[in-house]
Amino acid sequence: MDILARIDELRNQRAWSVHKLAKEAGLQQSTLNNLYERNNAPTFPTLEKICAAFGISFAEFFSEYKEITLSGEQKDILDKWEFLSAEQKKGLLPILFKKM
């Protein structure tokens, strides 16, 4: 994984500049500029601050999975799913995954 590319991806998702990331992470902007100029990976403590600024864990940072955005209707269905009994869930699964 290209760590700097991942940082850029997360910055772009939030429309953050390098300056904004530095401010949110409590880092000097020169620290981030040096990473990009030298194409170096950040140190563990620096990456820890960057992840904290983004509000994500190291696992999320290194995850290959993309974030999924659910519609209001999808969230509502998942919320209701939690209150169904095991028998109700078992009955719904064949309907939900019926081949069309």
PDB file of N, CA and C in Angstrom:
ATOM      1  N   MET A   1       0.842  -1.177   0.000  1.00  0.00           N
ATOM      2  CA  MET A   1       0.000   0.000   0.000  1.00  0.00           C
ATOM      3  C   MET A   1       0.883   1.234   0.000  1.00  0.00           C
ATOM      4  N   ASP A   2       0.497   2.187  -0.814  1.00  0.00           N
ATOM      5  CA  ASP A   2       1.184   3.471  -0.849  1.00  0.00           C
ATOM      6  C   ASP A   2       0.570   4.350   0.246  1.00  0.00           C
ATOM      7  N   ILE A   3       1.303   4.547   1.316  1.00  0.00           N
ATOM      8  CA  ILE A   3       0.782   5.251   2.491  1.00  0.00           C
ATOM      9  C   ILE A   3       0.458   6.708   2.164  1.00  0.00           C
ATOM     10  N   LEU A   4       1.309   7.367   1.416  1.00  0.00           N
ATOM     11  CA  LEU A   4       1.032   8.762   1.064  1.00  0.00           C
ATOM     12  C   LEU A   4      -0.206   8.878   0.178  1.00  0.00           C
ATOM     13  N   ALA A   5      -0.390   7.907  -0.710  1.00  0.00           N
ATOM     14  CA  ALA A   5      -1.594   7.912  -1.555  1.00  0.00           C
ATOM     15  C   ALA A   5      -2.841   7.710  -0.695  1.00  0.00           C
ATOM     16  N   ARG A   6      -2.730   6.858   0.312  1.00  0.00           N
ATOM     17  CA  ARG A   6      -3.878   6.627   1.210  1.00  0.00           C
ATOM     18  C   ARG A   6      -4.191   7.900   2.002  1.00  0.00           C
ATOM     19  N   ILE A   7      -3.160   8.594   2.462  1.00  0.00           N
ATOM     20  CA  ILE A   7      -3.377   9.862   3.173  1.00  0.00           C
ATOM     21  C   ILE A   7      -4.064  10.857   2.241  1.00  0.00           C
ATOM     22  N   ASP A   8      -3.609  10.925   0.999  1.00  0.00           N
ATOM     23  CA  ASP A   8      -4.229  11.826   0.022  1.00  0.00           C
ATOM     24  C   ASP A   8      -5.693  11.454  -0.213  1.00  0.00           C
ATOM     25  N   GLU A   9      -5.955  10.169  -0.306  1.00  0.00           N
ATOM     26  CA  GLU A   9      -7.336   9.702  -0.507  1.00  0.00           C
ATOM     27  C   GLU A   9      -8.231  10.181   0.641  1.00  0.00           C
ATOM     28  N   LEU A  10      -7.754  10.011   1.863  1.00  0.00           N
ATOM     29  CA  LEU A  10      -8.534  10.424   3.027  1.00  0.00           C
ATOM     30  C   LEU A  10      -8.669  11.946   3.103  1.00  0.00           C
ATOM     31  N   ARG A  11      -7.620  12.654   2.732  1.00  0.00           N
ATOM     32  CA  ARG A  11      -7.692  14.120   2.708  1.00  0.00           C
ATOM     33  C   ARG A  11      -8.710  14.585   1.678  1.00  0.00           C
ATOM     34  N   ASN A  12      -8.660  13.984   0.497  1.00  0.00           N
ATOM     35  CA  ASN A  12      -9.565  14.374  -0.580  1.00  0.00           C
ATOM     36  C   ASN A  12     -11.024  14.069  -0.239  1.00  0.00           C
ATOM     37  N   GLN A  13     -11.261  12.966   0.454  1.00  0.00           N
ATOM     38  CA  GLN A  13     -12.629  12.637   0.877  1.00  0.00           C
ATOM     39  C   GLN A  13     -13.208  13.737   1.761  1.00  0.00           C
ATOM     40  N   ARG A  14     -12.335  14.390   2.508  1.00  0.00           N
ATOM     41  CA  ARG A  14     -12.763  15.432   3.444  1.00  0.00           C
ATOM     42  C   ARG A  14     -12.546  16.843   2.894  1.00  0.00           C
ATOM     43  N   ALA A  15     -11.985  16.911   1.705  1.00  0.00           N
ATOM     44  CA  ALA A  15     -11.635  18.196   1.076  1.00  0.00           C
ATOM     45  C   ALA A  15     -10.681  18.998   1.965  1.00  0.00           C
ATOM     46  N   TRP A  16      -9.694  18.293   2.531  1.00  0.00           N
ATOM     47  CA  TRP A  16      -8.692  18.920   3.398  1.00  0.00           C
ATOM     48  C   TRP A  16      -7.435  19.195   2.603  1.00  0.00           C
ATOM     49  N   SER A  17      -6.829  20.316   2.869  1.00  0.00           N
ATOM     50  CA  SER A  17      -5.498  20.622   2.347  1.00  0.00           C
ATOM     51  C   SER A  17      -4.463  19.966   3.268  1.00  0.00           C
ATOM     52  N   VAL A  18      -3.224  19.991   2.848  1.00  0.00           N
ATOM     53  CA  VAL A  18      -2.136  19.504   3.710  1.00  0.00           C
ATOM     54  C   VAL A  18      -2.089  20.360   4.979  1.00  0.00           C
ATOM     55  N   HIS A  19      -2.308  21.656   4.810  1.00  0.00           N
ATOM     56  CA  HIS A  19      -2.312  22.563   5.958  1.00  0.00           C
ATOM     57  C   HIS A  19      -3.400  22.172   6.966  1.00  0.00           C
ATOM     58  N   LYS A  20      -4.602  21.878   6.465  1.00  0.00           N
ATOM     59  CA  LYS A  20      -5.714  21.489   7.341  1.00  0.00           C
ATOM     60  C   LYS A  20      -5.394  20.184   8.069  1.00  0.00           C
ATOM     61  N   LEU A  21      -4.834  19.220   7.364  1.00  0.00           N
ATOM     62  CA  LEU A  21      -4.465  17.953   8.003  1.00  0.00           C
ATOM     63  C   LEU A  21      -3.427  18.193   9.090  1.00  0.00           C
ATOM     64  N   ALA A  22      -2.418  18.985   8.788  1.00  0.00           N
ATOM     65  CA  ALA A  22      -1.384  19.278   9.786  1.00  0.00           C
ATOM     66  C   ALA A  22      -2.003  19.895  11.033  1.00  0.00           C
ATOM     67  N   LYS A  23      -2.902  20.832  10.839  1.00  0.00           N
ATOM     68  CA  LYS A  23      -3.563  21.502  11.961  1.00  0.00           C
ATOM     69  C   LYS A  23      -4.394  20.507  12.776  1.00  0.00           C
ATOM     70  N   GLU A  24      -5.192  19.685  12.088  1.00  0.00           N
ATOM     71  CA  GLU A  24      -6.057  18.714  12.776  1.00  0.00           C
ATOM     72  C   GLU A  24      -5.241  17.638  13.494  1.00  0.00           C
ATOM     73  N   ALA A  25      -4.087  17.293  12.934  1.00  0.00           N
ATOM     74  CA  ALA A  25      -3.243  16.242  13.518  1.00  0.00           C
ATOM     75  C   ALA A  25      -2.274  16.782  14.567  1.00  0.00           C
ATOM     76  N   GLY A  26      -2.193  18.094  14.690  1.00  0.00           N
ATOM     77  CA  GLY A  26      -1.247  18.677  15.641  1.00  0.00           C
ATOM     78  C   GLY A  26       0.193  18.510  15.189  1.00  0.00           C
ATOM     79  N   LEU A  27       0.403  18.562  13.874  1.00  0.00           N
ATOM     80  CA  LEU A  27       1.739  18.420  13.295  1.00  0.00           C
ATOM     81  C   LEU A  27       2.151  19.716  12.624  1.00  0.00           C
ATOM     82  N   GLN A  28       3.444  19.882  12.457  1.00  0.00           N
ATOM     83  CA  GLN A  28       3.945  20.998  11.678  1.00  0.00           C
ATOM     84  C   GLN A  28       3.657  20.709  10.205  1.00  0.00           C
ATOM     85  N   GLN A  29       3.243  21.717   9.457  1.00  0.00           N
ATOM     86  CA  GLN A  29       2.999  21.508   8.043  1.00  0.00           C
ATOM     87  C   GLN A  29       4.269  21.061   7.341  1.00  0.00           C
ATOM     88  N   SER A  30       5.403  21.529   7.820  1.00  0.00           N
ATOM     89  CA  SER A  30       6.681  21.134   7.219  1.00  0.00           C
ATOM     90  C   SER A  30       6.917  19.624   7.357  1.00  0.00           C
ATOM     91  N   THR A  31       6.408  19.032   8.420  1.00  0.00           N
ATOM     92  CA  THR A  31       6.537  17.577   8.599  1.00  0.00           C
ATOM     93  C   THR A  31       5.854  16.853   7.450  1.00  0.00           C
ATOM     94  N   LEU A  32       4.626  17.269   7.150  1.00  0.00           N
ATOM     95  CA  LEU A  32       3.901  16.630   6.049  1.00  0.00           C
ATOM     96  C   LEU A  32       4.510  16.978   4.702  1.00  0.00           C
ATOM     97  N   ASN A  33       4.912  18.229   4.523  1.00  0.00           N
ATOM     98  CA  ASN A  33       5.545  18.621   3.262  1.00  0.00           C
ATOM     99  C   ASN A  33       6.794  17.787   2.994  1.00  0.00           C
ATOM    100  N   ASN A  34       7.597  17.545   4.028  1.00  0.00           N
ATOM    101  CA  ASN A  34       8.809  16.731   3.870  1.00  0.00           C
ATOM    102  C   ASN A  34       8.482  15.299   3.456  1.00  0.00           C
ATOM    103  N   LEU A  35       7.386  14.751   3.987  1.00  0.00           N
ATOM    104  CA  LEU A  35       6.990  13.392   3.599  1.00  0.00           C
ATOM    105  C   LEU A  35       6.721  13.336   2.101  1.00  0.00           C
ATOM    106  N   TYR A  36       5.975  14.313   1.623  1.00  0.00           N
ATOM    107  CA  TYR A  36       5.624  14.339   0.200  1.00  0.00           C
ATOM    108  C   TYR A  36       6.833  14.634  -0.682  1.00  0.00           C
ATOM    109  N   GLU A  37       7.666  15.592  -0.286  1.00  0.00           N
ATOM    110  CA  GLU A  37       8.833  15.963  -1.096  1.00  0.00           C
ATOM    111  C   GLU A  37       9.828  14.816  -1.214  1.00  0.00           C
ATOM    112  N   ARG A  38       9.990  14.075  -0.134  1.00  0.00           N
ATOM    113  CA  ARG A  38      10.960  12.969  -0.121  1.00  0.00           C
ATOM    114  C   ARG A  38      10.325  11.624  -0.434  1.00  0.00           C
ATOM    115  N   ASN A  39       8.991  11.631  -0.605  1.00  0.00           N
ATOM    116  CA  ASN A  39       8.237  10.396  -0.861  1.00  0.00           C
ATOM    117  C   ASN A  39       8.519   9.345   0.210  1.00  0.00           C
ATOM    118  N   ASN A  40       8.512   9.797   1.466  1.00  0.00           N
ATOM    119  CA  ASN A  40       8.771   8.921   2.606  1.00  0.00           C
ATOM    120  C   ASN A  40       7.480   8.564   3.322  1.00  0.00           C
ATOM    121  N   ALA A  41       7.453   7.397   3.898  1.00  0.00           N
ATOM    122  CA  ALA A  41       6.326   7.017   4.758  1.00  0.00           C
ATOM    123  C   ALA A  41       6.488   7.715   6.105  1.00  0.00           C
ATOM    124  N   PRO A  42       5.385   8.088   6.730  1.00  0.00           N
ATOM    125  CA  PRO A  42       5.482   8.736   8.041  1.00  0.00           C
ATOM    126  C   PRO A  42       5.942   7.758   9.109  1.00  0.00           C
ATOM    127  N   THR A  43       6.500   8.299  10.179  1.00  0.00           N
ATOM    128  CA  THR A  43       6.863   7.460  11.327  1.00  0.00           C
ATOM    129  C   THR A  43       5.579   6.979  11.997  1.00  0.00           C
ATOM    130  N   PHE A  44       5.704   5.999  12.842  1.00  0.00           N
ATOM    131  CA  PHE A  44       4.551   5.465  13.562  1.00  0.00           C
ATOM    132  C   PHE A  44       3.834   6.568  14.354  1.00  0.00           C
ATOM    133  N   PRO A  45       4.540   7.384  15.152  1.00  0.00           N
ATOM    134  CA  PRO A  45       3.845   8.441  15.898  1.00  0.00           C
ATOM    135  C   PRO A  45       3.142   9.462  14.996  1.00  0.00           C
ATOM    136  N   THR A  46       3.765   9.779  13.858  1.00  0.00           N
ATOM    137  CA  THR A  46       3.145  10.726  12.925  1.00  0.00           C
ATOM    138  C   THR A  46       1.889  10.124  12.317  1.00  0.00           C
ATOM    139  N   LEU A  47       1.963   8.869  11.903  1.00  0.00           N
ATOM    140  CA  LEU A  47       0.800   8.205  11.324  1.00  0.00           C
ATOM    141  C   LEU A  47      -0.317   8.067  12.361  1.00  0.00           C
ATOM    142  N   GLU A  48       0.062   7.850  13.599  1.00  0.00           N
ATOM    143  CA  GLU A  48      -0.920   7.763  14.681  1.00  0.00           C
ATOM    144  C   GLU A  48      -1.695   9.089  14.796  1.00  0.00           C
ATOM    145  N   LYS A  49      -0.994  10.198  14.707  1.00  0.00           N
ATOM    146  CA  LYS A  49      -1.642  11.520  14.776  1.00  0.00           C
ATOM    147  C   LYS A  49      -2.517  11.769  13.551  1.00  0.00           C
ATOM    148  N   ILE A  50      -2.053  11.334  12.400  1.00  0.00           N
ATOM    149  CA  ILE A  50      -2.828  11.495  11.169  1.00  0.00           C
ATOM    150  C   ILE A  50      -4.127  10.693  11.255  1.00  0.00           C
ATOM    151  N   CYS A  51      -4.027   9.458  11.710  1.00  0.00           N
ATOM    152  CA  CYS A  51      -5.225   8.627  11.858  1.00  0.00           C
ATOM    153  C   CYS A  51      -6.196   9.243  12.862  1.00  0.00           C
ATOM    154  N   ALA A  52      -5.676   9.755  13.959  1.00  0.00           N
ATOM    155  CA  ALA A  52      -6.532  10.401  14.965  1.00  0.00           C
ATOM    156  C   ALA A  52      -7.242  11.606  14.356  1.00  0.00           C
ATOM    157  N   ALA A  53      -6.541  12.370  13.538  1.00  0.00           N
ATOM    158  CA  ALA A  53      -7.154  13.536  12.892  1.00  0.00           C
ATOM    159  C   ALA A  53      -8.295  13.113  11.980  1.00  0.00           C
ATOM    160  N   PHE A  54      -8.118  11.992  11.283  1.00  0.00           N
ATOM    161  CA  PHE A  54      -9.166  11.485  10.404  1.00  0.00           C
ATOM    162  C   PHE A  54     -10.275  10.758  11.179  1.00  0.00           C
ATOM    163  N   GLY A  55     -10.011  10.467  12.459  1.00  0.00           N
ATOM    164  CA  GLY A  55     -10.997   9.753  13.266  1.00  0.00           C
ATOM    165  C   GLY A  55     -11.103   8.288  12.899  1.00  0.00           C
ATOM    166  N   ILE A  56      -9.960   7.706  12.513  1.00  0.00           N
ATOM    167  CA  ILE A  56      -9.952   6.292  12.126  1.00  0.00           C
ATOM    168  C   ILE A  56      -8.846   5.554  12.871  1.00  0.00           C
ATOM    169  N   SER A  57      -8.959   4.241  12.906  1.00  0.00           N
ATOM    170  CA  SER A  57      -7.938   3.394  13.526  1.00  0.00           C
ATOM    171  C   SER A  57      -6.885   3.021  12.483  1.00  0.00           C
ATOM    172  N   PHE A  58      -5.787   2.422  12.948  1.00  0.00           N
ATOM    173  CA  PHE A  58      -4.770   1.920  12.020  1.00  0.00           C
ATOM    174  C   PHE A  58      -5.383   0.861  11.104  1.00  0.00           C
ATOM    175  N   ALA A  59      -6.238   0.016  11.666  1.00  0.00           N
ATOM    176  CA  ALA A  59      -6.875  -1.037  10.863  1.00  0.00           C
ATOM    177  C   ALA A  59      -7.686  -0.428   9.724  1.00  0.00           C
ATOM    178  N   GLU A  60      -8.424   0.632  10.036  1.00  0.00           N
ATOM    179  CA  GLU A  60      -9.206   1.296   8.991  1.00  0.00           C
ATOM    180  C   GLU A  60      -8.294   1.956   7.966  1.00  0.00           C
ATOM    181  N   PHE A  61      -7.207   2.531   8.435  1.00  0.00           N
ATOM    182  CA  PHE A  61      -6.267   3.180   7.521  1.00  0.00           C
ATOM    183  C   PHE A  61      -5.715   2.173   6.514  1.00  0.00           C
ATOM    184  N   PHE A  62      -5.358   0.991   6.987  1.00  0.00           N
ATOM    185  CA  PHE A  62      -4.733  -0.009   6.127  1.00  0.00           C
ATOM    186  C   PHE A  62      -5.728  -0.951   5.466  1.00  0.00           C
ATOM    187  N   SER A  63      -6.993  -0.756   5.722  1.00  0.00           N
ATOM    188  CA  SER A  63      -8.023  -1.614   5.156  1.00  0.00           C
ATOM    189  C   SER A  63      -8.091  -1.448   3.648  1.00  0.00           C
ATOM    190  N   GLU A  64      -8.265  -2.538   2.968  1.00  0.00           N
ATOM    191  CA  GLU A  64      -8.419  -2.519   1.518  1.00  0.00           C
ATOM    192  C   GLU A  64      -9.867  -2.292   1.114  1.00  0.00           C
ATOM    193  N   TYR A  65     -10.768  -2.338   2.085  1.00  0.00           N
ATOM    194  CA  TYR A  65     -12.184  -2.180   1.799  1.00  0.00           C
ATOM    195  C   TYR A  65     -12.547  -0.711   1.753  1.00  0.00           C
ATOM    196  N   LYS A  66     -13.421  -0.378   0.837  1.00  0.00           N
ATOM    197  CA  LYS A  66     -13.890   0.991   0.691  1.00  0.00           C
ATOM    198  C   LYS A  66     -15.094   1.204   1.604  1.00  0.00           C
ATOM    199  N   GLU A  67     -15.233   2.422   2.057  1.00  0.00           N
ATOM    200  CA  GLU A  67     -16.353   2.781   2.910  1.00  0.00           C
ATOM    201  C   GLU A  67     -17.646   2.673   2.114  1.00  0.00           C
ATOM    202  N   ILE A  68     -18.684   2.123   2.754  1.00  0.00           N
ATOM    203  CA  ILE A  68     -19.980   1.967   2.118  1.00  0.00           C
ATOM    204  C   ILE A  68     -20.923   2.996   2.712  1.00  0.00           C
ATOM    205  N   THR A  69     -21.599   3.706   1.848  1.00  0.00           N
ATOM    206  CA  THR A  69     -22.577   4.686   2.295  1.00  0.00           C
ATOM    207  C   THR A  69     -23.966   4.105   2.091  1.00  0.00           C
ATOM    208  N   LEU A  70     -24.740   4.074   3.166  1.00  0.00           N
ATOM    209  CA  LEU A  70     -26.090   3.531   3.103  1.00  0.00           C
ATOM    210  C   LEU A  70     -27.109   4.650   2.994  1.00  0.00           C
ATOM    211  N   SER A  71     -28.183   4.363   2.272  1.00  0.00           N
ATOM    212  CA  SER A  71     -29.285   5.321   2.195  1.00  0.00           C
ATOM    213  C   SER A  71     -30.055   5.270   3.514  1.00  0.00           C
ATOM    214  N   GLY A  72     -30.936   6.209   3.720  1.00  0.00           N
ATOM    215  CA  GLY A  72     -31.768   6.219   4.917  1.00  0.00           C
ATOM    216  C   GLY A  72     -32.621   4.970   5.015  1.00  0.00           C
ATOM    217  N   GLU A  73     -33.149   4.527   3.886  1.00  0.00           N
ATOM    218  CA  GLU A  73     -33.978   3.324   3.853  1.00  0.00           C
ATOM    219  C   GLU A  73     -33.156   2.084   4.235  1.00  0.00           C
ATOM    220  N   GLN A  74     -31.930   1.997   3.729  1.00  0.00           N
ATOM    221  CA  GLN A  74     -31.064   0.867   4.053  1.00  0.00           C
ATOM    222  C   GLN A  74     -30.708   0.851   5.539  1.00  0.00           C
ATOM    223  N   LYS A  75     -30.416   2.014   6.095  1.00  0.00           N
ATOM    224  CA  LYS A  75     -30.117   2.105   7.529  1.00  0.00           C
ATOM    225  C   LYS A  75     -31.319   1.681   8.362  1.00  0.00           C
ATOM    226  N   ASP A  76     -32.501   2.103   7.931  1.00  0.00           N
ATOM    227  CA  ASP A  76     -33.730   1.752   8.639  1.00  0.00           C
ATOM    228  C   ASP A  76     -33.942   0.240   8.651  1.00  0.00           C
ATOM    229  N   ILE A  77     -33.697  -0.396   7.519  1.00  0.00           N
ATOM    230  CA  ILE A  77     -33.852  -1.854   7.428  1.00  0.00           C
ATOM    231  C   ILE A  77     -32.866  -2.552   8.371  1.00  0.00           C
ATOM    232  N   LEU A  78     -31.608  -2.092   8.376  1.00  0.00           N
ATOM    233  CA  LEU A  78     -30.616  -2.712   9.257  1.00  0.00           C
ATOM    234  C   LEU A  78     -30.946  -2.489  10.731  1.00  0.00           C
ATOM    235  N   ASP A  79     -31.459  -1.303  11.050  1.00  0.00           N
ATOM    236  CA  ASP A  79     -31.869  -1.038  12.434  1.00  0.00           C
ATOM    237  C   ASP A  79     -32.992  -1.978  12.856  1.00  0.00           C
ATOM    238  N   LYS A  80     -33.957  -2.198  11.986  1.00  0.00           N
ATOM    239  CA  LYS A  80     -35.092  -3.085  12.301  1.00  0.00           C
ATOM    240  C   LYS A  80     -34.657  -4.544  12.371  1.00  0.00           C
ATOM    241  N   TRP A  81     -33.675  -4.920  11.566  1.00  0.00           N
ATOM    242  CA  TRP A  81     -33.163  -6.296  11.551  1.00  0.00           C
ATOM    243  C   TRP A  81     -32.726  -6.727  12.951  1.00  0.00           C
ATOM    244  N   GLU A  82     -32.116  -5.815  13.678  1.00  0.00           N
ATOM    245  CA  GLU A  82     -31.594  -6.120  15.014  1.00  0.00           C
ATOM    246  C   GLU A  82     -32.687  -6.537  15.997  1.00  0.00           C
ATOM    247  N   PHE A  83     -33.922  -6.121  15.751  1.00  0.00           N
ATOM    248  CA  PHE A  83     -35.013  -6.417  16.676  1.00  0.00           C
ATOM    249  C   PHE A  83     -35.810  -7.663  16.287  1.00  0.00           C
ATOM    250  N   LEU A  84     -35.447  -8.283  15.173  1.00  0.00           N
ATOM    251  CA  LEU A  84     -36.135  -9.495  14.755  1.00  0.00           C
ATOM    252  C   LEU A  84     -35.629 -10.696  15.543  1.00  0.00           C
ATOM    253  N   SER A  85     -36.502 -11.651  15.724  1.00  0.00           N
ATOM    254  CA  SER A  85     -36.094 -12.901  16.382  1.00  0.00           C
ATOM    255  C   SER A  85     -35.285 -13.728  15.385  1.00  0.00           C
ATOM    256  N   ALA A  86     -34.608 -14.722  15.885  1.00  0.00           N
ATOM    257  CA  ALA A  86     -33.824 -15.606  15.015  1.00  0.00           C
ATOM    258  C   ALA A  86     -34.730 -16.282  13.994  1.00  0.00           C
ATOM    259  N   GLU A  87     -35.922 -16.643  14.418  1.00  0.00           N
ATOM    260  CA  GLU A  87     -36.877 -17.302  13.516  1.00  0.00           C
ATOM    261  C   GLU A  87     -37.334 -16.342  12.411  1.00  0.00           C
ATOM    262  N   GLN A  88     -37.585 -15.082  12.766  1.00  0.00           N
ATOM    263  CA  GLN A  88     -37.984 -14.097  11.773  1.00  0.00           C
ATOM    264  C   GLN A  88     -36.856 -13.844  10.765  1.00  0.00           C
ATOM    265  N   LYS A  89     -35.629 -13.754  11.259  1.00  0.00           N
ATOM    266  CA  LYS A  89     -34.488 -13.546  10.366  1.00  0.00           C
ATOM    267  C   LYS A  89     -34.339 -14.727   9.410  1.00  0.00           C
ATOM    268  N   LYS A  90     -34.503 -15.940   9.949  1.00  0.00           N
ATOM    269  CA  LYS A  90     -34.381 -17.149   9.138  1.00  0.00           C
ATOM    270  C   LYS A  90     -35.445 -17.166   8.043  1.00  0.00           C
ATOM    271  N   GLY A  91     -36.640 -16.686   8.372  1.00  0.00           N
ATOM    272  CA  GLY A  91     -37.711 -16.634   7.384  1.00  0.00           C
ATOM    273  C   GLY A  91     -37.498 -15.583   6.309  1.00  0.00           C
ATOM    274  N   LEU A  92     -36.855 -14.488   6.662  1.00  0.00           N
ATOM    275  CA  LEU A  92     -36.618 -13.406   5.699  1.00  0.00           C
ATOM    276  C   LEU A  92     -35.471 -13.673   4.736  1.00  0.00           C
ATOM    277  N   LEU A  93     -34.463 -14.400   5.181  1.00  0.00           N
ATOM    278  CA  LEU A  93     -33.288 -14.610   4.336  1.00  0.00           C
ATOM    279  C   LEU A  93     -33.604 -15.212   2.973  1.00  0.00           C
ATOM    280  N   PRO A  94     -34.455 -16.245   2.888  1.00  0.00           N
ATOM    281  CA  PRO A  94     -34.766 -16.765   1.555  1.00  0.00           C
ATOM    282  C   PRO A  94     -35.458 -15.742   0.648  1.00  0.00           C
ATOM    283  N   ILE A  95     -36.257 -14.863   1.243  1.00  0.00           N
ATOM    284  CA  ILE A  95     -36.922 -13.827   0.457  1.00  0.00           C
ATOM    285  C   ILE A  95     -35.903 -12.799  -0.031  1.00  0.00           C
ATOM    286  N   LEU A  96     -35.000 -12.387   0.868  1.00  0.00           N
ATOM    287  CA  LEU A  96     -34.012 -11.386   0.518  1.00  0.00           C
ATOM    288  C   LEU A  96     -33.038 -11.855  -0.541  1.00  0.00           C
ATOM    289  N   PHE A  97     -32.697 -13.128  -0.507  1.00  0.00           N
ATOM    290  CA  PHE A  97     -31.682 -13.654  -1.426  1.00  0.00           C
ATOM    291  C   PHE A  97     -32.262 -14.553  -2.506  1.00  0.00           C
ATOM    292  N   LYS A  98     -33.557 -14.398  -2.760  1.00  0.00           N
ATOM    293  CA  LYS A  98     -34.232 -15.163  -3.802  1.00  0.00           C
ATOM    294  C   LYS A  98     -33.660 -14.748  -5.161  1.00  0.00           C
ATOM    295  N   LYS A  99     -33.337 -15.721  -5.983  1.00  0.00           N
ATOM    296  CA  LYS A  99     -32.821 -15.417  -7.328  1.00  0.00           C
ATOM    297  C   LYS A  99     -33.951 -14.878  -8.175  1.00  0.00           C
ATOM    298  N   MET A 100     -33.627 -13.785  -8.856  1.00  0.00           N
ATOM    299  CA  MET A 100     -34.660 -13.143  -9.699  1.00  0.00           C
ATOM    300  C   MET A 100     -34.487 -13.489 -11.132  1.00  0.00           C
TER     301      MET A 100
END
